[in-house]
PDB file of all heavy atoms in Angstrom:
ATOM      1  N   LEU A   1      80.793  87.739 142.709  1.00  0.00           N
ATOM      2  CA  LEU A   1      81.093  86.347 143.051  1.00  0.00           C
ATOM      3  C   LEU A   1      82.580  86.157 143.312  1.00  0.00           C
ATOM      4  O   LEU A   1      82.977  85.346 144.136  1.00  0.00           O
ATOM      5  CB  LEU A   1      80.625  85.413 141.946  1.00  0.00           C
ATOM      6  CG  LEU A   1      79.049  85.203 141.850  1.00  0.00           C
ATOM      7  CD1 LEU A   1      78.714  84.509 140.536  1.00  0.00           C
ATOM      8  CD2 LEU A   1      78.558  84.442 143.051  1.00  0.00           C
ATOM      9  N   ARG A   2      83.383  86.887 142.584  1.00  0.00           N
ATOM     10  CA  ARG A   2      84.808  86.756 142.746  1.00  0.00           C
ATOM     11  C   ARG A   2      85.276  87.305 144.066  1.00  0.00           C
ATOM     12  O   ARG A   2      86.108  86.707 144.779  1.00  0.00           O
ATOM     13  CB  ARG A   2      85.553  87.445 141.612  1.00  0.00           C
ATOM     14  CG  ARG A   2      85.497  86.748 140.293  1.00  0.00           C
ATOM     15  CD  ARG A   2      86.128  87.593 139.206  1.00  0.00           C
ATOM     16  NE  ARG A   2      86.169  86.964 137.918  1.00  0.00           N
ATOM     17  CZ  ARG A   2      86.475  87.541 136.769  1.00  0.00           C
ATOM     18  NH1 ARG A   2      86.771  88.843 136.779  1.00  0.00           N
ATOM     19  NH2 ARG A   2      86.496  86.865 135.627  1.00  0.00           N
ATOM     20  N   ASP A   3      84.778  88.456 144.474  1.00  0.00           N
ATOM     21  CA  ASP A   3      85.158  89.116 145.694  1.00  0.00           C
ATOM     22  C   ASP A   3      84.004  89.950 146.256  1.00  0.00           C
ATOM     23  O   ASP A   3      83.858  91.124 145.972  1.00  0.00           O
ATOM     24  CB  ASP A   3      86.382  89.992 145.432  1.00  0.00           C
ATOM     25  CG  ASP A   3      86.951  90.613 146.732  1.00  0.00           C
ATOM     26  OD1 ASP A   3      86.545  90.171 147.806  1.00  0.00           O
ATOM     27  OD2 ASP A   3      87.809  91.508 146.673  1.00  0.00           O
ATOM     28  N   SER A   4      83.138  89.274 147.006  1.00  0.00           N
ATOM     29  CA  SER A   4      81.964  89.931 147.504  1.00  0.00           C
ATOM     30  C   SER A   4      82.298  90.952 148.632  1.00  0.00           C
ATOM     31  O   SER A   4      81.588  91.966 148.798  1.00  0.00           O
ATOM     32  CB  SER A   4      80.943  88.912 148.074  1.00  0.00           C
ATOM     33  OG  SER A   4      81.549  88.181 149.125  1.00  0.00           O
ATOM     34  N   SER A   5      83.409  90.742 149.325  1.00  0.00           N
ATOM     35  CA  SER A   5      83.755  91.688 150.422  1.00  0.00           C
ATOM     36  C   SER A   5      84.050  93.066 149.872  1.00  0.00           C
ATOM     37  O   SER A   5      83.802  94.072 150.601  1.00  0.00           O
ATOM     38  CB  SER A   5      84.977  91.134 151.188  1.00  0.00           C
ATOM     39  OG  SER A   5      86.063  91.015 150.296  1.00  0.00           O
ATOM     40  N   ARG A   6      84.501  93.178 148.660  1.00  0.00           N
ATOM     41  CA  ARG A   6      84.832  94.457 148.097  1.00  0.00           C
ATOM     42  C   ARG A   6      83.537  95.317 147.949  1.00  0.00           C
ATOM     43  O   ARG A   6      83.566  96.521 148.130  1.00  0.00           O
ATOM     44  CB  ARG A   6      85.513  94.333 146.753  1.00  0.00           C
ATOM     45  CG  ARG A   6      85.910  95.618 146.062  1.00  0.00           C
ATOM     46  CD  ARG A   6      86.942  95.390 145.012  1.00  0.00           C
ATOM     47  NE  ARG A   6      86.419  94.495 144.001  1.00  0.00           N
ATOM     48  CZ  ARG A   6      85.833  94.960 142.856  1.00  0.00           C
ATOM     49  NH1 ARG A   6      85.702  96.279 142.700  1.00  0.00           N
ATOM     50  NH2 ARG A   6      85.428  94.114 141.939  1.00  0.00           N
ATOM     51  N   PHE A   7      82.402  94.627 147.645  1.00  0.00           N
ATOM     52  CA  PHE A   7      81.142  95.330 147.539  1.00  0.00           C
ATOM     53  C   PHE A   7      80.518  95.619 148.888  1.00  0.00           C
ATOM     54  O   PHE A   7      79.976  96.728 149.135  1.00  0.00           O
ATOM     55  CB  PHE A   7      80.177  94.509 146.668  1.00  0.00           C
ATOM     56  CG  PHE A   7      80.567  94.478 145.225  1.00  0.00           C
ATOM     57  CD1 PHE A   7      81.520  93.591 144.759  1.00  0.00           C
ATOM     58  CD2 PHE A   7      79.876  95.325 144.322  1.00  0.00           C
ATOM     59  CE1 PHE A   7      81.848  93.555 143.414  1.00  0.00           C
ATOM     60  CE2 PHE A   7      80.213  95.257 142.969  1.00  0.00           C
ATOM     61  CZ  PHE A   7      81.223  94.396 142.512  1.00  0.00           C
ATOM     62  N   THR A   8      80.591  94.625 149.744  1.00  0.00           N
ATOM     63  CA  THR A   8      79.886  94.833 151.083  1.00  0.00           C
ATOM     64  C   THR A   8      80.593  95.874 151.915  1.00  0.00           C
ATOM     65  O   THR A   8      79.939  96.568 152.688  1.00  0.00           O
ATOM     66  CB  THR A   8      79.904  93.476 151.814  1.00  0.00           C
ATOM     67  OG1 THR A   8      81.230  92.976 151.949  1.00  0.00           O
ATOM     68  CG2 THR A   8      79.009  92.467 151.094  1.00  0.00           C
ATOM     69  N   ARG A   9      81.909  96.035 151.775  1.00  0.00           N
ATOM     70  CA  ARG A   9      82.611  97.092 152.503  1.00  0.00           C
ATOM     71  C   ARG A   9      82.099  98.464 152.090  1.00  0.00           C
ATOM     72  O   ARG A   9      82.074  99.378 152.908  1.00  0.00           O
ATOM     73  CB  ARG A   9      84.111  97.035 152.229  1.00  0.00           C
ATOM     74  CG  ARG A   9      84.813  95.899 153.003  1.00  0.00           C
ATOM     75  CD  ARG A   9      86.329  96.124 153.016  1.00  0.00           C
ATOM     76  NE  ARG A   9      86.870  96.295 151.708  1.00  0.00           N
ATOM     77  CZ  ARG A   9      87.364  95.339 150.925  1.00  0.00           C
ATOM     78  NH1 ARG A   9      87.390  94.080 151.392  1.00  0.00           N
ATOM     79  NH2 ARG A   9      87.876  95.596 149.748  1.00  0.00           N
ATOM     80  N   LEU A  10      81.741  98.620 150.844  1.00  0.00           N
ATOM     81  CA  LEU A  10      81.307  99.909 150.389  1.00  0.00           C
ATOM     82  C   LEU A  10      79.755 100.063 150.460  1.00  0.00           C
ATOM     83  O   LEU A  10      79.197 101.083 150.057  1.00  0.00           O
ATOM     84  CB  LEU A  10      81.664 100.077 148.874  1.00  0.00           C
ATOM     85  CG  LEU A  10      83.134 100.032 148.558  1.00  0.00           C
ATOM     86  CD1 LEU A  10      83.402 100.036 147.066  1.00  0.00           C
ATOM     87  CD2 LEU A  10      83.879 101.191 149.291  1.00  0.00           C
ATOM     88  N   GLY A  11      79.115  99.084 151.111  1.00  0.00           N
ATOM     89  CA  GLY A  11      77.664  99.158 151.265  1.00  0.00           C
ATOM     90  C   GLY A  11      76.881  98.774 150.024  1.00  0.00           C
ATOM     91  O   GLY A  11      75.709  99.103 149.952  1.00  0.00           O
ATOM     92  N   GLY A  12      77.532  98.183 149.099  1.00  0.00           N
ATOM     93  CA  GLY A  12      76.866  97.849 147.830  1.00  0.00           C
ATOM     94  C   GLY A  12      75.916  96.628 148.013  1.00  0.00           C
ATOM     95  O   GLY A  12      76.067  95.857 148.916  1.00  0.00           O
ATOM     96  N   ARG A  13      74.897  96.563 147.126  1.00  0.00           N
ATOM     97  CA  ARG A  13      73.924  95.500 147.191  1.00  0.00           C
ATOM     98  C   ARG A  13      73.778  94.853 145.823  1.00  0.00           C
ATOM     99  O   ARG A  13      73.429  95.595 144.858  1.00  0.00           O
ATOM    100  CB  ARG A  13      72.599  95.963 147.710  1.00  0.00           C
ATOM    101  CG  ARG A  13      71.542  94.885 147.939  1.00  0.00           C
ATOM    102  CD  ARG A  13      70.200  95.414 148.340  1.00  0.00           C
ATOM    103  NE  ARG A  13      69.626  96.238 147.215  1.00  0.00           N
ATOM    104  CZ  ARG A  13      68.940  95.697 146.221  1.00  0.00           C
ATOM    105  NH1 ARG A  13      68.720  94.412 146.137  1.00  0.00           N
ATOM    106  NH2 ARG A  13      68.441  96.498 145.304  1.00  0.00           N
ATOM    107  N   ILE A  14      74.078  93.605 145.778  1.00  0.00           N
ATOM    108  CA  ILE A  14      73.943  92.875 144.469  1.00  0.00           C
ATOM    109  C   ILE A  14      72.626  92.127 144.478  1.00  0.00           C
ATOM    110  O   ILE A  14      72.240  91.514 145.460  1.00  0.00           O
ATOM    111  CB  ILE A  14      75.140  91.910 144.272  1.00  0.00           C
ATOM    112  CG1 ILE A  14      76.439  92.715 144.206  1.00  0.00           C
ATOM    113  CG2 ILE A  14      74.933  91.103 143.022  1.00  0.00           C
ATOM    114  CD1 ILE A  14      76.514  93.650 143.055  1.00  0.00           C
ATOM    115  N   PRO A  15      71.868  92.134 143.361  1.00  0.00           N
ATOM    116  CA  PRO A  15      70.634  91.395 143.326  1.00  0.00           C
ATOM    117  C   PRO A  15      70.837  89.918 143.611  1.00  0.00           C
ATOM    118  O   PRO A  15      71.843  89.334 143.237  1.00  0.00           O
ATOM    119  CB  PRO A  15      70.160  91.628 141.867  1.00  0.00           C
ATOM    120  CG  PRO A  15      70.867  92.849 141.428  1.00  0.00           C
ATOM    121  CD  PRO A  15      72.155  92.850 142.111  1.00  0.00           C
ATOM    122  N   LYS A  16      69.875  89.357 144.311  1.00  0.00           N
ATOM    123  CA  LYS A  16      69.994  87.909 144.642  1.00  0.00           C
ATOM    124  C   LYS A  16      69.614  87.029 143.437  1.00  0.00           C
ATOM    125  O   LYS A  16      70.030  85.870 143.403  1.00  0.00           O
ATOM    126  CB  LYS A  16      69.072  87.570 145.801  1.00  0.00           C
ATOM    127  CG  LYS A  16      69.414  88.317 147.101  1.00  0.00           C
ATOM    128  CD  LYS A  16      68.381  88.062 148.163  1.00  0.00           C
ATOM    129  CE  LYS A  16      68.739  88.840 149.427  1.00  0.00           C
ATOM    130  NZ  LYS A  16      67.746  88.632 150.521  1.00  0.00           N
ATOM    131  N   GLY A  17      68.850  87.612 142.490  1.00  0.00           N
ATOM    132  CA  GLY A  17      68.411  86.805 141.340  1.00  0.00           C
ATOM    133  C   GLY A  17      68.580  87.515 140.022  1.00  0.00           C
ATOM    134  O   GLY A  17      68.418  88.766 139.938  1.00  0.00           O
ATOM    135  N   VAL A  18      68.946  86.767 139.036  1.00  0.00           N
ATOM    136  CA  VAL A  18      69.109  87.286 137.665  1.00  0.00           C
ATOM    137  C   VAL A  18      68.232  86.434 136.773  1.00  0.00           C
ATOM    138  O   VAL A  18      68.316  85.214 136.807  1.00  0.00           O
ATOM    139  CB  VAL A  18      70.566  87.187 137.162  1.00  0.00           C
ATOM    140  CG1 VAL A  18      70.682  87.629 135.720  1.00  0.00           C
ATOM    141  CG2 VAL A  18      71.492  88.029 138.076  1.00  0.00           C
ATOM    142  N   LEU A  19      67.374  87.076 136.003  1.00  0.00           N
ATOM    143  CA  LEU A  19      66.426  86.343 135.107  1.00  0.00           C
ATOM    144  C   LEU A  19      66.887  86.500 133.667  1.00  0.00           C
ATOM    145  O   LEU A  19      67.018  87.609 133.133  1.00  0.00           O
ATOM    146  CB  LEU A  19      65.024  86.942 135.270  1.00  0.00           C
ATOM    147  CG  LEU A  19      63.922  86.240 134.446  1.00  0.00           C
ATOM    148  CD1 LEU A  19      63.729  84.830 134.917  1.00  0.00           C
ATOM    149  CD2 LEU A  19      62.597  87.014 134.556  1.00  0.00           C
ATOM    150  N   LEU A  20      67.125  85.367 133.010  1.00  0.00           N
ATOM    151  CA  LEU A  20      67.465  85.333 131.631  1.00  0.00           C
ATOM    152  C   LEU A  20      66.211  84.945 130.823  1.00  0.00           C
ATOM    153  O   LEU A  20      65.618  83.871 131.088  1.00  0.00           O
ATOM    154  CB  LEU A  20      68.576  84.285 131.344  1.00  0.00           C
ATOM    155  CG  LEU A  20      69.832  84.435 132.206  1.00  0.00           C
ATOM    156  CD1 LEU A  20      70.827  83.302 131.923  1.00  0.00           C
ATOM    157  CD2 LEU A  20      70.494  85.794 132.007  1.00  0.00           C
ATOM    158  N   GLN A  21      65.818  85.778 129.911  1.00  0.00           N
ATOM    159  CA  GLN A  21      64.611  85.478 129.133  1.00  0.00           C
ATOM    160  C   GLN A  21      64.934  85.507 127.628  1.00  0.00           C
ATOM    161  O   GLN A  21      65.782  86.317 127.191  1.00  0.00           O
ATOM    162  CB  GLN A  21      63.534  86.460 129.472  1.00  0.00           C
ATOM    163  CG  GLN A  21      63.854  87.939 129.160  1.00  0.00           C
ATOM    164  CD  GLN A  21      62.749  88.871 129.626  1.00  0.00           C
ATOM    165  OE1 GLN A  21      62.469  88.916 130.848  1.00  0.00           O
ATOM    166  NE2 GLN A  21      62.186  89.608 128.701  1.00  0.00           N
ATOM    167  N   GLY A  22      64.268  84.656 126.914  1.00  0.00           N
ATOM    168  CA  GLY A  22      64.485  84.601 125.428  1.00  0.00           C
ATOM    169  C   GLY A  22      63.877  83.339 124.914  1.00  0.00           C
ATOM    170  O   GLY A  22      63.614  82.380 125.621  1.00  0.00           O
ATOM    171  N   PRO A  23      63.724  83.238 123.585  1.00  0.00           N
ATOM    172  CA  PRO A  23      63.153  82.028 122.974  1.00  0.00           C
ATOM    173  C   PRO A  23      64.051  80.832 123.230  1.00  0.00           C
ATOM    174  O   PRO A  23      65.219  80.963 123.513  1.00  0.00           O
ATOM    175  CB  PRO A  23      63.112  82.384 121.471  1.00  0.00           C
ATOM    176  CG  PRO A  23      63.185  83.910 121.419  1.00  0.00           C
ATOM    177  CD  PRO A  23      63.995  84.301 122.595  1.00  0.00           C
ATOM    178  N   PRO A  24      63.496  79.631 123.064  1.00  0.00           N
ATOM    179  CA  PRO A  24      64.353  78.424 123.223  1.00  0.00           C
ATOM    180  C   PRO A  24      65.520  78.357 122.239  1.00  0.00           C
ATOM    181  O   PRO A  24      65.381  78.799 121.091  1.00  0.00           O
ATOM    182  CB  PRO A  24      63.356  77.275 122.945  1.00  0.00           C
ATOM    183  CG  PRO A  24      61.968  77.851 123.198  1.00  0.00           C
ATOM    184  CD  PRO A  24      62.076  79.306 122.756  1.00  0.00           C
ATOM    185  N   GLY A  25      66.613  77.968 122.736  1.00  0.00           N
ATOM    186  CA  GLY A  25      67.797  77.773 121.906  1.00  0.00           C
ATOM    187  C   GLY A  25      68.651  79.038 121.730  1.00  0.00           C
ATOM    188  O   GLY A  25      69.539  79.044 120.846  1.00  0.00           O
ATOM    189  N   THR A  26      68.417  80.056 122.494  1.00  0.00           N
ATOM    190  CA  THR A  26      69.163  81.282 122.389  1.00  0.00           C
ATOM    191  C   THR A  26      70.382  81.365 123.327  1.00  0.00           C
ATOM    192  O   THR A  26      71.037  82.364 123.380  1.00  0.00           O
ATOM    193  CB  THR A  26      68.265  82.508 122.619  1.00  0.00           C
ATOM    194  OG1 THR A  26      67.590  82.343 123.865  1.00  0.00           O
ATOM    195  CG2 THR A  26      67.265  82.645 121.497  1.00  0.00           C
ATOM    196  N   GLY A  27      70.632  80.252 124.103  1.00  0.00           N
ATOM    197  CA  GLY A  27      71.865  80.229 124.887  1.00  0.00           C
ATOM    198  C   GLY A  27      71.732  80.686 126.328  1.00  0.00           C
ATOM    199  O   GLY A  27      72.725  81.103 126.920  1.00  0.00           O
ATOM    200  N   LYS A  28      70.530  80.569 126.874  1.00  0.00           N
ATOM    201  CA  LYS A  28      70.346  81.006 128.313  1.00  0.00           C
ATOM    202  C   LYS A  28      71.162  80.151 129.235  1.00  0.00           C
ATOM    203  O   LYS A  28      71.819  80.648 130.164  1.00  0.00           O
ATOM    204  CB  LYS A  28      68.859  80.995 128.640  1.00  0.00           C
ATOM    205  CG  LYS A  28      68.039  81.939 127.802  1.00  0.00           C
ATOM    206  CD  LYS A  28      66.597  81.977 128.263  1.00  0.00           C
ATOM    207  CE  LYS A  28      65.836  80.694 128.017  1.00  0.00           C
ATOM    208  NZ  LYS A  28      65.682  80.376 126.551  1.00  0.00           N
ATOM    209  N   THR A  29      71.100  78.826 129.045  1.00  0.00           N
ATOM    210  CA  THR A  29      71.824  77.902 129.901  1.00  0.00           C
ATOM    211  C   THR A  29      73.323  78.092 129.734  1.00  0.00           C
ATOM    212  O   THR A  29      74.089  78.091 130.703  1.00  0.00           O
ATOM    213  CB  THR A  29      71.451  76.439 129.585  1.00  0.00           C
ATOM    214  OG1 THR A  29      70.058  76.279 129.748  1.00  0.00           O
ATOM    215  CG2 THR A  29      72.201  75.487 130.532  1.00  0.00           C
ATOM    216  N   LEU A  30      73.796  78.284 128.499  1.00  0.00           N
ATOM    217  CA  LEU A  30      75.221  78.532 128.235  1.00  0.00           C
ATOM    218  C   LEU A  30      75.700  79.787 128.906  1.00  0.00           C
ATOM    219  O   LEU A  30      76.801  79.837 129.496  1.00  0.00           O
ATOM    220  CB  LEU A  30      75.477  78.578 126.758  1.00  0.00           C
ATOM    221  CG  LEU A  30      76.927  78.781 126.309  1.00  0.00           C
ATOM    222  CD1 LEU A  30      77.724  77.580 126.713  1.00  0.00           C
ATOM    223  CD2 LEU A  30      77.013  79.026 124.811  1.00  0.00           C
ATOM    224  N   LEU A  31      74.853  80.824 128.921  1.00  0.00           N
ATOM    225  CA  LEU A  31      75.232  82.069 129.536  1.00  0.00           C
ATOM    226  C   LEU A  31      75.319  81.915 131.043  1.00  0.00           C
ATOM    227  O   LEU A  31      76.228  82.476 131.712  1.00  0.00           O
ATOM    228  CB  LEU A  31      74.246  83.164 129.197  1.00  0.00           C
ATOM    229  CG  LEU A  31      74.532  84.565 129.709  1.00  0.00           C
ATOM    230  CD1 LEU A  31      75.872  85.062 129.186  1.00  0.00           C
ATOM    231  CD2 LEU A  31      73.412  85.559 129.322  1.00  0.00           C
ATOM    232  N   ALA A  32      74.443  81.131 131.676  1.00  0.00           N
ATOM    233  CA  ALA A  32      74.482  80.877 133.073  1.00  0.00           C
ATOM    234  C   ALA A  32      75.758  80.136 133.467  1.00  0.00           C
ATOM    235  O   ALA A  32      76.427  80.487 134.481  1.00  0.00           O
ATOM    236  CB  ALA A  32      73.251  80.101 133.532  1.00  0.00           C
ATOM    237  N   LYS A  33      76.104  79.132 132.675  1.00  0.00           N
ATOM    238  CA  LYS A  33      77.356  78.440 132.911  1.00  0.00           C
ATOM    239  C   LYS A  33      78.575  79.390 132.774  1.00  0.00           C
ATOM    240  O   LYS A  33      79.585  79.249 133.480  1.00  0.00           O
ATOM    241  CB  LYS A  33      77.530  77.256 131.954  1.00  0.00           C
ATOM    242  CG  LYS A  33      76.559  76.132 132.233  1.00  0.00           C
ATOM    243  CD  LYS A  33      76.777  74.948 131.283  1.00  0.00           C
ATOM    244  CE  LYS A  33      75.832  73.810 131.561  1.00  0.00           C
ATOM    245  NZ  LYS A  33      76.053  72.678 130.618  1.00  0.00           N
ATOM    246  N   ALA A  34      78.474  80.306 131.813  1.00  0.00           N
ATOM    247  CA  ALA A  34      79.610  81.217 131.583  1.00  0.00           C
ATOM    248  C   ALA A  34      79.778  82.116 132.801  1.00  0.00           C
ATOM    249  O   ALA A  34      80.909  82.498 133.125  1.00  0.00           O
ATOM    250  CB  ALA A  34      79.327  82.041 130.333  1.00  0.00           C
ATOM    251  N   ILE A  35      78.700  82.512 133.457  1.00  0.00           N
ATOM    252  CA  ILE A  35      78.787  83.341 134.654  1.00  0.00           C
ATOM    253  C   ILE A  35      79.634  82.589 135.711  1.00  0.00           C
ATOM    254  O   ILE A  35      80.578  83.121 136.320  1.00  0.00           O
ATOM    255  CB  ILE A  35      77.439  83.691 135.218  1.00  0.00           C
ATOM    256  CG1 ILE A  35      76.636  84.513 134.191  1.00  0.00           C
ATOM    257  CG2 ILE A  35      77.559  84.489 136.502  1.00  0.00           C
ATOM    258  CD1 ILE A  35      75.197  84.768 134.636  1.00  0.00           C
ATOM    259  N   ALA A  36      79.281  81.328 135.895  1.00  0.00           N
ATOM    260  CA  ALA A  36      80.037  80.483 136.864  1.00  0.00           C
ATOM    261  C   ALA A  36      81.447  80.333 136.444  1.00  0.00           C
ATOM    262  O   ALA A  36      82.387  80.297 137.292  1.00  0.00           O
ATOM    263  CB  ALA A  36      79.333  79.127 137.087  1.00  0.00           C
ATOM    264  N   GLY A  37      81.649  80.105 135.128  1.00  0.00           N
ATOM    265  CA  GLY A  37      83.000  79.881 134.630  1.00  0.00           C
ATOM    266  C   GLY A  37      83.886  81.142 134.774  1.00  0.00           C
ATOM    267  O   GLY A  37      85.079  81.043 135.169  1.00  0.00           O
ATOM    268  N   GLU A  38      83.322  82.303 134.507  1.00  0.00           N
ATOM    269  CA  GLU A  38      84.123  83.559 134.671  1.00  0.00           C
ATOM    270  C   GLU A  38      84.454  83.789 136.123  1.00  0.00           C
ATOM    271  O   GLU A  38      85.546  84.266 136.445  1.00  0.00           O
ATOM    272  CB  GLU A  38      83.294  84.716 134.117  1.00  0.00           C
ATOM    273  CG  GLU A  38      83.166  84.783 132.594  1.00  0.00           C
ATOM    274  CD  GLU A  38      84.439  85.217 131.984  1.00  0.00           C
ATOM    275  OE1 GLU A  38      85.306  85.833 132.642  1.00  0.00           O
ATOM    276  OE2 GLU A  38      84.623  84.939 130.755  1.00  0.00           O
TER     277      GLU A  38
END
């Protein structure tokens, strides 16, 4: 997300989707926000 061109130049492929699984209250939403924050 920071620099996609670096991956595409090398022919890399990043998954379009990431699935977070776990019981309720384990921080899935917080982790998703942290990805955007980072």
